[in-house]
Amino acid sequence: MPRCSVILVTYNSAAAIEGCLRALRFEDCEIVIVDNASQDDTVKRVRDVAQRLPLQLITISRNLGFAGGANQAARSASGDVLLLLNPDAVAEAGAIDALLKCFRTTKASAVGGALIADNGQPDKGFAFRRLPTLASLMLEALLINQLWPGNPVNLRYRCLDADHLREQPVEQPAGACLAVRREAWDSLGGMDQDFYPVWFEDVDFCARLLASGGTIFYCPDARFHHSGAHSVSQLEFNYKQMFWYRNMVLYARKHLGALAAQILRLSIVVGMNLRIIAALLGFRPDGIRVRDALRGYLRVGLWALGLGNESEHRT
């Protein structure tokens, strides 16, 4: 059986990290944690349990983003399989063994586990998806997926009609639980750190892996309870919007072409105007003030028009 290295990238993950590590204490794997300059007591909590686990902690003085942290951890890991796991993903007993078994039976280059939602069922629409197309990204930008989530494009993109209890080849498991053979990781040079600080780096990695001739499988027996968005929820709404749409356009430009990226930018402009109107009418994300919503939407819209500097949004 190949040796597994669990890679955890933390950023203000104090509320989640202990539960994740407790679930790994009986697993036969090393754990490599890269902390991206957390400002809470994440590092202290990791050190408190470090003596009871085969754990290596690497602290970074600045936030490298998820891709940068994962690449840093991979360079220090010794396993034949690298399991990227979010700090808010808690493994059920035998989950890692199930992933490794899936590698043996499928000969896959990468394997994704089942992310279990609060209702105890696989998180459909998130656990795995197909690779984005221009149409699926445009519908996301134009609010159509939010208003009509069952539209045919979104149904196919998010695999909402798939059987999540069946082992199967997939295109893009969520980066919250993604196991990759070391040789496949190294052949691609790890993750693209231009997808900063988070979002679409896992999608890009899977797209490159498939393009290189690799295969990816979904393993329903490898169950991980996942609360989701523990780090990104701490970002200001303004930055969260910018990072999401910037990385969406970066993915489109890299994999769909320059023309597709320009079309997507125009869709984002239209989508931001629709969101501004909705916010003024009282429809906006929970907990977000009108002023903050308008500022975030306006900033993204101006950037999509080419009137904002991408580099100013790095933290």
C-alpha atoms as a PDB file:
ATOM      1  CA  MET A   1       0.000   0.000   0.000  1.00  0.00           C
ATOM      2  CA  PRO A   2       1.444   3.411  -0.899  1.00  0.00           C
ATOM      3  CA  ARG A   3       2.333   5.739   1.944  1.00  0.00           C
ATOM      4  CA  CYS A   4       0.040   8.747   2.275  1.00  0.00           C
ATOM      5  CA  SER A   5       0.979  12.282   3.244  1.00  0.00           C
ATOM      6  CA  VAL A   6      -1.922  14.451   4.397  1.00  0.00           C
ATOM      7  CA  ILE A   7      -1.415  18.085   3.411  1.00  0.00           C
ATOM      8  CA  LEU A   8      -3.257  20.754   5.399  1.00  0.00           C
ATOM      9  CA  VAL A   9      -3.048  24.447   4.555  1.00  0.00           C
ATOM     10  CA  THR A  10      -4.281  26.538   7.462  1.00  0.00           C
ATOM     11  CA  TYR A  11      -5.273  30.183   7.684  1.00  0.00           C
ATOM     12  CA  ASN A  12      -7.054  31.266  10.852  1.00  0.00           C
ATOM     13  CA  SER A  13      -8.229  27.663  11.212  1.00  0.00           C
ATOM     14  CA  ALA A  14      -8.235  27.426  15.003  1.00  0.00           C
ATOM     15  CA  ALA A  15     -11.925  26.558  15.206  1.00  0.00           C
ATOM     16  CA  ALA A  16     -11.573  23.593  12.844  1.00  0.00           C
ATOM     17  CA  ILE A  17      -8.068  22.172  12.990  1.00  0.00           C
ATOM     18  CA  GLU A  18      -8.313  20.119  16.199  1.00  0.00           C
ATOM     19  CA  GLY A  19     -11.300  18.107  14.980  1.00  0.00           C
ATOM     20  CA  CYS A  20      -9.522  17.402  11.710  1.00  0.00           C
ATOM     21  CA  LEU A  21      -6.335  16.260  13.448  1.00  0.00           C
ATOM     22  CA  ARG A  22      -8.163  14.135  16.022  1.00  0.00           C
ATOM     23  CA  ALA A  23      -9.785  12.187  13.188  1.00  0.00           C
ATOM     24  CA  LEU A  24      -6.341  11.483  11.693  1.00  0.00           C
ATOM     25  CA  ARG A  25      -4.666  10.210  14.852  1.00  0.00           C
ATOM     26  CA  PHE A  26      -5.248   6.536  14.043  1.00  0.00           C
ATOM     27  CA  GLU A  27      -4.373   6.790  10.353  1.00  0.00           C
ATOM     28  CA  ASP A  28      -1.078   5.421   9.071  1.00  0.00           C
ATOM     29  CA  CYS A  29       0.053   8.603   7.350  1.00  0.00           C
ATOM     30  CA  GLU A  30       2.283  11.568   7.921  1.00  0.00           C
ATOM     31  CA  ILE A  31       0.739  15.014   8.281  1.00  0.00           C
ATOM     32  CA  VAL A  32       2.304  18.150   6.834  1.00  0.00           C
ATOM     33  CA  ILE A  33       0.735  21.466   7.829  1.00  0.00           C
ATOM     34  CA  VAL A  34       1.596  24.796   6.268  1.00  0.00           C
ATOM     35  CA  ASP A  35       0.197  27.748   8.176  1.00  0.00           C
ATOM     36  CA  ASN A  36      -0.329  30.823   6.018  1.00  0.00           C
ATOM     37  CA  ALA A  37       0.424  33.489   8.647  1.00  0.00           C
ATOM     38  CA  SER A  38      -2.670  32.839  10.759  1.00  0.00           C
ATOM     39  CA  GLN A  39      -3.564  35.640  13.144  1.00  0.00           C
ATOM     40  CA  ASP A  40      -5.487  33.432  15.574  1.00  0.00           C
ATOM     41  CA  ASP A  41      -4.170  30.558  17.715  1.00  0.00           C
ATOM     42  CA  THR A  42      -4.095  27.950  14.942  1.00  0.00           C
ATOM     43  CA  VAL A  43      -0.361  27.332  15.362  1.00  0.00           C
ATOM     44  CA  LYS A  44      -0.671  26.911  19.138  1.00  0.00           C
ATOM     45  CA  ARG A  45      -3.479  24.365  18.727  1.00  0.00           C
ATOM     46  CA  VAL A  46      -1.460  22.411  16.194  1.00  0.00           C
ATOM     47  CA  ARG A  47       1.570  22.361  18.478  1.00  0.00           C
ATOM     48  CA  ASP A  48      -0.581  21.149  21.363  1.00  0.00           C
ATOM     49  CA  VAL A  49      -1.368  17.935  19.469  1.00  0.00           C
ATOM     50  CA  ALA A  50       1.896  17.613  17.544  1.00  0.00           C
ATOM     51  CA  GLN A  51       3.474  15.274  20.106  1.00  0.00           C
ATOM     52  CA  ARG A  52       0.738  12.684  19.547  1.00  0.00           C
ATOM     53  CA  LEU A  53       0.878  12.651  15.747  1.00  0.00           C
ATOM     54  CA  PRO A  54       3.536  12.179  13.015  1.00  0.00           C
ATOM     55  CA  LEU A  55       3.161  15.851  12.214  1.00  0.00           C
ATOM     56  CA  GLN A  56       5.347  18.447  10.547  1.00  0.00           C
ATOM     57  CA  LEU A  57       4.378  22.104  10.965  1.00  0.00           C
ATOM     58  CA  ILE A  58       5.703  24.765   8.609  1.00  0.00           C
ATOM     59  CA  THR A  59       4.876  28.366   9.498  1.00  0.00           C
ATOM     60  CA  ILE A  60       4.941  31.014   6.780  1.00  0.00           C
ATOM     61  CA  SER A  61       5.369  34.719   7.532  1.00  0.00           C
ATOM     62  CA  ARG A  62       2.959  35.784   4.767  1.00  0.00           C
ATOM     63  CA  ASN A  63      -0.120  34.304   3.158  1.00  0.00           C
ATOM     64  CA  LEU A  64       0.958  32.268   0.128  1.00  0.00           C
ATOM     65  CA  GLY A  65      -2.622  31.289  -0.713  1.00  0.00           C
ATOM     66  CA  PHE A  66      -3.921  27.737  -0.862  1.00  0.00           C
ATOM     67  CA  ALA A  67      -1.897  26.762  -3.936  1.00  0.00           C
ATOM     68  CA  GLY A  68       1.316  28.208  -2.529  1.00  0.00           C
ATOM     69  CA  GLY A  69       0.785  26.517   0.808  1.00  0.00           C
ATOM     70  CA  ALA A  70       0.012  23.173  -0.831  1.00  0.00           C
ATOM     71  CA  ASN A  71       3.134  23.386  -2.985  1.00  0.00           C
ATOM     72  CA  GLN A  72       5.246  24.200   0.059  1.00  0.00           C
ATOM     73  CA  ALA A  73       3.820  21.241   1.985  1.00  0.00           C
ATOM     74  CA  ALA A  74       4.272  18.860  -0.969  1.00  0.00           C
ATOM     75  CA  ARG A  75       7.984  19.674  -1.130  1.00  0.00           C
ATOM     76  CA  SER A  76       8.339  18.508   2.477  1.00  0.00           C
ATOM     77  CA  ALA A  77       6.077  15.460   2.214  1.00  0.00           C
ATOM     78  CA  SER A  78       7.483  11.971   1.710  1.00  0.00           C
ATOM     79  CA  GLY A  79       4.369  10.036   0.694  1.00  0.00           C
ATOM     80  CA  ASP A  80       3.632   8.317  -2.594  1.00  0.00           C
ATOM     81  CA  VAL A  81       0.140   9.832  -2.363  1.00  0.00           C
ATOM     82  CA  LEU A  82      -0.513  13.453  -1.404  1.00  0.00           C
ATOM     83  CA  LEU A  83      -3.926  14.016   0.182  1.00  0.00           C
ATOM     84  CA  LEU A  84      -4.955  17.660   0.109  1.00  0.00           C
ATOM     85  CA  LEU A  85      -7.449  18.083   2.921  1.00  0.00           C
ATOM     86  CA  ASN A  86      -9.163  21.194   4.208  1.00  0.00           C
ATOM     87  CA  PRO A  87      -8.844  21.796   7.956  1.00  0.00           C
ATOM     88  CA  ASP A  88     -12.643  21.661   8.228  1.00  0.00           C
ATOM     89  CA  ALA A  89     -12.826  18.178   6.659  1.00  0.00           C
ATOM     90  CA  VAL A  90     -13.117  15.439   9.285  1.00  0.00           C
ATOM     91  CA  ALA A  91     -12.330  11.899   8.142  1.00  0.00           C
ATOM     92  CA  GLU A  92     -14.528   8.988   9.111  1.00  0.00           C
ATOM     93  CA  ALA A  93     -12.733   5.842  10.275  1.00  0.00           C
ATOM     94  CA  GLY A  94     -11.193   4.061   7.289  1.00  0.00           C
ATOM     95  CA  ALA A  95     -11.603   7.001   4.905  1.00  0.00           C
ATOM     96  CA  ILE A  96      -7.938   7.221   3.939  1.00  0.00           C
ATOM     97  CA  ASP A  97      -7.671   3.442   3.494  1.00  0.00           C
ATOM     98  CA  ALA A  98     -10.671   3.681   1.155  1.00  0.00           C
ATOM     99  CA  LEU A  99      -8.900   6.342  -0.915  1.00  0.00           C
ATOM    100  CA  LEU A 100      -5.760   4.232  -1.178  1.00  0.00           C
ATOM    101  CA  LYS A 101      -7.799   1.179  -2.145  1.00  0.00           C
ATOM    102  CA  CYS A 102      -9.432   3.219  -4.909  1.00  0.00           C
ATOM    103  CA  PHE A 103      -5.983   4.060  -6.266  1.00  0.00           C
ATOM    104  CA  ARG A 104      -5.115   0.363  -6.404  1.00  0.00           C
ATOM    105  CA  THR A 105      -8.327  -0.756  -8.109  1.00  0.00           C
ATOM    106  CA  THR A 106      -8.725   2.105 -10.593  1.00  0.00           C
ATOM    107  CA  LYS A 107      -5.048   2.939 -11.276  1.00  0.00           C
ATOM    108  CA  ALA A 108      -6.180   6.565 -11.190  1.00  0.00           C
ATOM    109  CA  SER A 109      -3.839   9.535 -11.091  1.00  0.00           C
ATOM    110  CA  ALA A 110      -6.029  11.290  -8.518  1.00  0.00           C
ATOM    111  CA  VAL A 111      -8.982  10.382  -6.323  1.00  0.00           C
ATOM    112  CA  GLY A 112     -11.598  12.508  -4.594  1.00  0.00           C
ATOM    113  CA  GLY A 113     -13.503  11.510  -1.478  1.00  0.00           C
ATOM    114  CA  ALA A 114     -17.153  11.946  -0.531  1.00  0.00           C
ATOM    115  CA  LEU A 115     -17.715  15.248   1.258  1.00  0.00           C
ATOM    116  CA  ILE A 116     -20.598  14.770   3.661  1.00  0.00           C
ATOM    117  CA  ALA A 117     -22.957  17.641   4.390  1.00  0.00           C
ATOM    118  CA  ASP A 118     -24.764  18.335   7.657  1.00  0.00           C
ATOM    119  CA  ASN A 119     -27.654  16.088   6.600  1.00  0.00           C
ATOM    120  CA  GLY A 120     -25.325  13.086   6.445  1.00  0.00           C
ATOM    121  CA  GLN A 121     -25.507  12.841   2.650  1.00  0.00           C
ATOM    122  CA  PRO A 122     -22.828  13.548   0.007  1.00  0.00           C
ATOM    123  CA  ASP A 123     -22.705  17.231  -0.836  1.00  0.00           C
ATOM    124  CA  LYS A 124     -24.118  17.169  -4.359  1.00  0.00           C
ATOM    125  CA  GLY A 125     -22.921  19.985  -6.544  1.00  0.00           C
ATOM    126  CA  PHE A 126     -19.708  20.361  -4.564  1.00  0.00           C
ATOM    127  CA  ALA A 127     -18.081  16.952  -4.015  1.00  0.00           C
ATOM    128  CA  PHE A 128     -17.290  16.730  -7.726  1.00  0.00           C
ATOM    129  CA  ARG A 129     -18.145  18.651 -10.873  1.00  0.00           C
ATOM    130  CA  ARG A 130     -17.365  18.676 -14.550  1.00  0.00           C
ATOM    131  CA  LEU A 131     -14.768  21.133 -15.759  1.00  0.00           C
ATOM    132  CA  PRO A 132     -16.217  24.596 -16.381  1.00  0.00           C
ATOM    133  CA  THR A 133     -17.284  25.671 -19.844  1.00  0.00           C
ATOM    134  CA  LEU A 134     -17.789  29.235 -20.984  1.00  0.00           C
ATOM    135  CA  ALA A 135     -21.545  28.680 -20.749  1.00  0.00           C
ATOM    136  CA  SER A 136     -21.418  27.410 -17.159  1.00  0.00           C
ATOM    137  CA  LEU A 137     -19.196  30.311 -16.072  1.00  0.00           C
ATOM    138  CA  MET A 138     -21.385  32.868 -17.824  1.00  0.00           C
ATOM    139  CA  LEU A 139     -24.534  31.542 -16.171  1.00  0.00           C
ATOM    140  CA  GLU A 140     -22.788  31.817 -12.824  1.00  0.00           C
ATOM    141  CA  ALA A 141     -21.738  35.404 -13.512  1.00  0.00           C
ATOM    142  CA  LEU A 142     -25.161  36.426 -14.832  1.00  0.00           C
ATOM    143  CA  LEU A 143     -27.065  35.204 -11.729  1.00  0.00           C
ATOM    144  CA  ILE A 144     -28.921  32.607 -13.798  1.00  0.00           C
ATOM    145  CA  ASN A 145     -27.615  29.674 -11.760  1.00  0.00           C
ATOM    146  CA  GLN A 146     -28.761  31.354  -8.569  1.00  0.00           C
ATOM    147  CA  LEU A 147     -32.225  32.124  -9.934  1.00  0.00           C
ATOM    148  CA  TRP A 148     -32.649  28.846 -11.852  1.00  0.00           C
ATOM    149  CA  PRO A 149     -30.278  26.277 -10.308  1.00  0.00           C
ATOM    150  CA  GLY A 150     -31.911  23.403 -12.183  1.00  0.00           C
ATOM    151  CA  ASN A 151     -31.116  24.763 -15.632  1.00  0.00           C
ATOM    152  CA  PRO A 152     -29.563  22.162 -17.965  1.00  0.00           C
ATOM    153  CA  VAL A 153     -26.131  23.802 -18.061  1.00  0.00           C
ATOM    154  CA  ASN A 154     -25.848  23.999 -14.281  1.00  0.00           C
ATOM    155  CA  LEU A 155     -27.298  20.511 -13.862  1.00  0.00           C
ATOM    156  CA  ARG A 156     -24.521  19.106 -16.020  1.00  0.00           C
ATOM    157  CA  TYR A 157     -21.741  21.312 -14.639  1.00  0.00           C
ATOM    158  CA  ARG A 158     -22.448  20.527 -10.974  1.00  0.00           C
ATOM    159  CA  CYS A 159     -23.302  16.854 -11.696  1.00  0.00           C
ATOM    160  CA  LEU A 160     -26.575  17.292  -9.831  1.00  0.00           C
ATOM    161  CA  ASP A 161     -28.039  14.244 -11.548  1.00  0.00           C
ATOM    162  CA  ALA A 162     -25.063  11.956 -10.756  1.00  0.00           C
ATOM    163  CA  ASP A 163     -25.191   8.992  -8.381  1.00  0.00           C
ATOM    164  CA  HIS A 164     -22.927  10.108  -5.530  1.00  0.00           C
ATOM    165  CA  LEU A 165     -22.984   6.623  -3.979  1.00  0.00           C
ATOM    166  CA  ARG A 166     -21.192   5.055  -6.961  1.00  0.00           C
ATOM    167  CA  GLU A 167     -17.478   4.944  -7.677  1.00  0.00           C
ATOM    168  CA  GLN A 168     -16.919   6.621 -11.033  1.00  0.00           C
ATOM    169  CA  PRO A 169     -14.492   8.620 -13.163  1.00  0.00           C
ATOM    170  CA  VAL A 170     -14.966  12.359 -12.663  1.00  0.00           C
ATOM    171  CA  GLU A 171     -13.393  15.533 -13.968  1.00  0.00           C
ATOM    172  CA  GLN A 172     -12.985  17.707 -10.903  1.00  0.00           C
ATOM    173  CA  PRO A 173     -13.290  16.605  -7.286  1.00  0.00           C
ATOM    174  CA  ALA A 174     -13.279  19.447  -4.779  1.00  0.00           C
ATOM    175  CA  GLY A 175      -9.860  20.471  -3.529  1.00  0.00           C
ATOM    176  CA  ALA A 176     -11.199  20.089   0.014  1.00  0.00           C
ATOM    177  CA  CYS A 177     -10.389  16.370  -0.317  1.00  0.00           C
ATOM    178  CA  LEU A 178      -8.196  15.530  -3.287  1.00  0.00           C
ATOM    179  CA  ALA A 179      -5.584  12.744  -3.267  1.00  0.00           C
ATOM    180  CA  VAL A 180      -2.923  12.780  -5.997  1.00  0.00           C
ATOM    181  CA  ARG A 181      -0.147  10.362  -6.859  1.00  0.00           C
ATOM    182  CA  ARG A 182       3.215  11.959  -6.208  1.00  0.00           C
ATOM    183  CA  GLU A 183       4.440  11.349  -9.766  1.00  0.00           C
ATOM    184  CA  ALA A 184       1.347  13.052 -11.189  1.00  0.00           C
ATOM    185  CA  TRP A 185       1.775  16.027  -8.857  1.00  0.00           C
ATOM    186  CA  ASP A 186       5.447  16.412  -9.713  1.00  0.00           C
ATOM    187  CA  SER A 187       4.872  16.047 -13.451  1.00  0.00           C
ATOM    188  CA  LEU A 188       2.523  19.043 -13.369  1.00  0.00           C
ATOM    189  CA  GLY A 189       4.678  21.114 -11.057  1.00  0.00           C
ATOM    190  CA  GLY A 190       2.011  21.196  -8.370  1.00  0.00           C
ATOM    191  CA  MET A 191      -0.640  23.897  -8.258  1.00  0.00           C
ATOM    192  CA  ASP A 192      -0.595  27.212 -10.095  1.00  0.00           C
ATOM    193  CA  GLN A 193       0.024  29.914  -7.485  1.00  0.00           C
ATOM    194  CA  ASP A 194      -1.444  32.594  -9.736  1.00  0.00           C
ATOM    195  CA  PHE A 195      -4.823  31.422  -8.447  1.00  0.00           C
ATOM    196  CA  TYR A 196      -4.416  33.487  -5.299  1.00  0.00           C
ATOM    197  CA  PRO A 197      -5.407  33.204  -2.515  1.00  0.00           C
ATOM    198  CA  VAL A 198      -8.112  30.604  -3.168  1.00  0.00           C
ATOM    199  CA  TRP A 199     -10.596  29.310  -5.765  1.00  0.00           C
ATOM    200  CA  PHE A 200     -10.062  27.590  -9.119  1.00  0.00           C
ATOM    201  CA  GLU A 201      -6.552  26.326  -8.295  1.00  0.00           C
ATOM    202  CA  ASP A 202      -7.973  22.829  -7.816  1.00  0.00           C
ATOM    203  CA  VAL A 203     -10.052  23.120 -10.998  1.00  0.00           C
ATOM    204  CA  ASP A 204      -6.984  24.203 -12.957  1.00  0.00           C
ATOM    205  CA  PHE A 205      -4.935  21.336 -11.523  1.00  0.00           C
ATOM    206  CA  CYS A 206      -7.551  18.749 -12.516  1.00  0.00           C
ATOM    207  CA  ALA A 207      -7.875  20.254 -15.998  1.00  0.00           C
ATOM    208  CA  ARG A 208      -4.113  20.003 -16.499  1.00  0.00           C
ATOM    209  CA  LEU A 209      -4.032  16.476 -15.101  1.00  0.00           C
ATOM    210  CA  LEU A 210      -6.730  15.285 -17.494  1.00  0.00           C
ATOM    211  CA  ALA A 211      -5.076  17.079 -20.420  1.00  0.00           C
ATOM    212  CA  SER A 212      -1.832  15.223 -19.654  1.00  0.00           C
ATOM    213  CA  GLY A 213      -3.605  11.868 -19.965  1.00  0.00           C
ATOM    214  CA  GLY A 214      -4.280  11.308 -16.255  1.00  0.00           C
ATOM    215  CA  THR A 215      -7.488   9.887 -14.813  1.00  0.00           C
ATOM    216  CA  ILE A 216      -9.515  10.987 -11.781  1.00  0.00           C
ATOM    217  CA  PHE A 217     -11.996   8.906  -9.792  1.00  0.00           C
ATOM    218  CA  TYR A 218     -14.559   9.628  -7.103  1.00  0.00           C
ATOM    219  CA  CYS A 219     -14.519   7.254  -4.121  1.00  0.00           C
ATOM    220  CA  PRO A 220     -17.825   7.268  -2.184  1.00  0.00           C
ATOM    221  CA  ASP A 221     -16.459   4.982   0.548  1.00  0.00           C
ATOM    222  CA  ALA A 222     -13.916   7.621   1.590  1.00  0.00           C
ATOM    223  CA  ARG A 223     -16.200   9.825   3.681  1.00  0.00           C
ATOM    224  CA  PHE A 224     -15.170  13.192   5.108  1.00  0.00           C
ATOM    225  CA  HIS A 225     -17.557  15.460   7.006  1.00  0.00           C
ATOM    226  CA  HIS A 226     -17.057  18.953   5.667  1.00  0.00           C
ATOM    227  CA  SER A 227     -18.411  22.180   7.149  1.00  0.00           C
ATOM    228  CA  GLY A 228     -17.009  24.362   4.364  1.00  0.00           C
ATOM    229  CA  ALA A 229     -15.611  27.866   3.832  1.00  0.00           C
ATOM    230  CA  HIS A 230     -13.976  28.175   7.248  1.00  0.00           C
ATOM    231  CA  SER A 231     -11.233  30.479   5.930  1.00  0.00           C
ATOM    232  CA  VAL A 232     -12.924  32.304   3.055  1.00  0.00           C
ATOM    233  CA  SER A 233     -15.816  33.259   5.328  1.00  0.00           C
ATOM    234  CA  GLN A 234     -13.324  35.468   7.182  1.00  0.00           C
ATOM    235  CA  LEU A 235     -12.526  37.499   4.073  1.00  0.00           C
ATOM    236  CA  GLU A 236     -14.177  40.861   3.619  1.00  0.00           C
ATOM    237  CA  PHE A 237     -17.048  40.645   1.134  1.00  0.00           C
ATOM    238  CA  ASN A 238     -15.250  43.106  -1.121  1.00  0.00           C
ATOM    239  CA  TYR A 239     -12.157  40.900  -1.430  1.00  0.00           C
ATOM    240  CA  LYS A 240     -14.097  37.664  -1.575  1.00  0.00           C
ATOM    241  CA  GLN A 241     -15.948  38.873  -4.668  1.00  0.00           C
ATOM    242  CA  MET A 242     -12.770  40.067  -6.340  1.00  0.00           C
ATOM    243  CA  PHE A 243     -10.807  36.876  -5.708  1.00  0.00           C
ATOM    244  CA  TRP A 244     -13.638  34.667  -7.002  1.00  0.00           C
ATOM    245  CA  TYR A 245     -14.191  36.537 -10.254  1.00  0.00           C
ATOM    246  CA  ARG A 246     -10.534  37.286 -10.889  1.00  0.00           C
ATOM    247  CA  ASN A 247      -9.660  33.590 -10.629  1.00  0.00           C
ATOM    248  CA  MET A 248     -12.682  32.635 -12.720  1.00  0.00           C
ATOM    249  CA  VAL A 249     -11.407  34.851 -15.553  1.00  0.00           C
ATOM    250  CA  LEU A 250      -7.872  33.543 -15.074  1.00  0.00           C
ATOM    251  CA  TYR A 251      -9.143  29.987 -15.490  1.00  0.00           C
ATOM    252  CA  ALA A 252     -11.125  30.950 -18.598  1.00  0.00           C
ATOM    253  CA  ARG A 253      -8.139  32.692 -20.178  1.00  0.00           C
ATOM    254  CA  LYS A 254      -5.840  29.762 -19.427  1.00  0.00           C
ATOM    255  CA  HIS A 255      -8.130  26.910 -20.527  1.00  0.00           C
ATOM    256  CA  LEU A 256     -10.815  28.409 -22.767  1.00  0.00           C
ATOM    257  CA  GLY A 257      -8.877  31.135 -24.574  1.00  0.00           C
ATOM    258  CA  ALA A 258      -8.553  34.908 -24.643  1.00  0.00           C
ATOM    259  CA  LEU A 259     -11.856  35.467 -26.458  1.00  0.00           C
ATOM    260  CA  ALA A 260     -13.754  33.378 -23.911  1.00  0.00           C
ATOM    261  CA  ALA A 261     -12.141  35.375 -21.109  1.00  0.00           C
ATOM    262  CA  GLN A 262     -13.268  38.654 -22.687  1.00  0.00           C
ATOM    263  CA  ILE A 263     -16.811  37.368 -23.138  1.00  0.00           C
ATOM    264  CA  LEU A 264     -16.800  36.256 -19.513  1.00  0.00           C
ATOM    265  CA  ARG A 265     -15.605  39.695 -18.403  1.00  0.00           C
ATOM    266  CA  LEU A 266     -18.578  41.284 -20.163  1.00  0.00           C
ATOM    267  CA  SER A 267     -20.889  38.776 -18.496  1.00  0.00           C
ATOM    268  CA  ILE A 268     -19.427  39.740 -15.140  1.00  0.00           C
ATOM    269  CA  VAL A 269     -20.094  43.425 -15.836  1.00  0.00           C
ATOM    270  CA  VAL A 270     -23.734  42.652 -16.624  1.00  0.00           C
ATOM    271  CA  GLY A 271     -23.959  40.360 -13.606  1.00  0.00           C
ATOM    272  CA  MET A 272     -22.565  43.006 -11.256  1.00  0.00           C
ATOM    273  CA  ASN A 273     -25.148  45.516 -12.501  1.00  0.00           C
ATOM    274  CA  LEU A 274     -27.909  42.991 -11.848  1.00  0.00           C
ATOM    275  CA  ARG A 275     -26.530  42.390  -8.349  1.00  0.00           C
ATOM    276  CA  ILE A 276     -26.404  46.134  -7.666  1.00  0.00           C
ATOM    277  CA  ILE A 277     -30.063  46.451  -8.624  1.00  0.00           C
ATOM    278  CA  ALA A 278     -30.951  43.436  -6.469  1.00  0.00           C
ATOM    279  CA  ALA A 279     -29.045  44.860  -3.486  1.00  0.00           C
ATOM    280  CA  LEU A 280     -30.867  48.181  -3.786  1.00  0.00           C
ATOM    281  CA  LEU A 281     -34.140  46.245  -3.762  1.00  0.00           C
ATOM    282  CA  GLY A 282     -33.141  44.436  -0.589  1.00  0.00           C
ATOM    283  CA  PHE A 283     -31.767  41.179  -2.063  1.00  0.00           C
ATOM    284  CA  ARG A 284     -28.192  40.542  -0.988  1.00  0.00           C
ATOM    285  CA  PRO A 285     -26.149  37.850   0.803  1.00  0.00           C
ATOM    286  CA  ASP A 286     -27.032  37.224   4.432  1.00  0.00           C
ATOM    287  CA  GLY A 287     -25.203  39.480   6.866  1.00  0.00           C
ATOM    288  CA  ILE A 288     -23.899  41.862   4.193  1.00  0.00           C
ATOM    289  CA  ARG A 289     -24.855  45.521   4.473  1.00  0.00           C
ATOM    290  CA  VAL A 290     -26.154  47.319   1.403  1.00  0.00           C
ATOM    291  CA  ARG A 291     -23.152  49.633   1.375  1.00  0.00           C
ATOM    292  CA  ASP A 292     -20.681  46.748   1.463  1.00  0.00           C
ATOM    293  CA  ALA A 293     -22.544  44.810  -1.225  1.00  0.00           C
ATOM    294  CA  LEU A 294     -22.633  47.813  -3.542  1.00  0.00           C
ATOM    295  CA  ARG A 295     -18.955  48.550  -2.994  1.00  0.00           C
ATOM    296  CA  GLY A 296     -17.992  44.949  -3.725  1.00  0.00           C
ATOM    297  CA  TYR A 297     -20.122  44.652  -6.856  1.00  0.00           C
ATOM    298  CA  LEU A 298     -18.991  48.023  -8.202  1.00  0.00           C
ATOM    299  CA  ARG A 299     -15.332  47.185  -7.668  1.00  0.00           C
ATOM    300  CA  VAL A 300     -15.617  43.869  -9.495  1.00  0.00           C
ATOM    301  CA  GLY A 301     -17.568  45.478 -12.327  1.00  0.00           C
ATOM    302  CA  LEU A 302     -14.952  48.181 -12.823  1.00  0.00           C
ATOM    303  CA  TRP A 303     -12.178  45.584 -12.732  1.00  0.00           C
ATOM    304  CA  ALA A 304     -13.985  43.466 -15.337  1.00  0.00           C
ATOM    305  CA  LEU A 305     -14.087  46.548 -17.571  1.00  0.00           C
ATOM    306  CA  GLY A 306     -10.318  46.859 -17.237  1.00  0.00           C
ATOM    307  CA  LEU A 307     -10.481  49.829 -14.874  1.00  0.00           C
ATOM    308  CA  GLY A 308      -8.942  48.074 -11.862  1.00  0.00           C
ATOM    309  CA  ASN A 309      -5.489  46.706 -11.105  1.00  0.00           C
ATOM    310  CA  GLU A 310      -5.417  42.951 -10.415  1.00  0.00           C
ATOM    311  CA  SER A 311      -2.254  43.171  -8.335  1.00  0.00           C
ATOM    312  CA  GLU A 312      -3.812  45.517  -5.771  1.00  0.00           C
ATOM    313  CA  HIS A 313      -6.014  42.697  -4.529  1.00  0.00           C
ATOM    314  CA  ARG A 314      -3.200  40.504  -3.269  1.00  0.00           C
ATOM    315  CA  THR A 315      -3.011  40.322   0.513  1.00  0.00           C
END
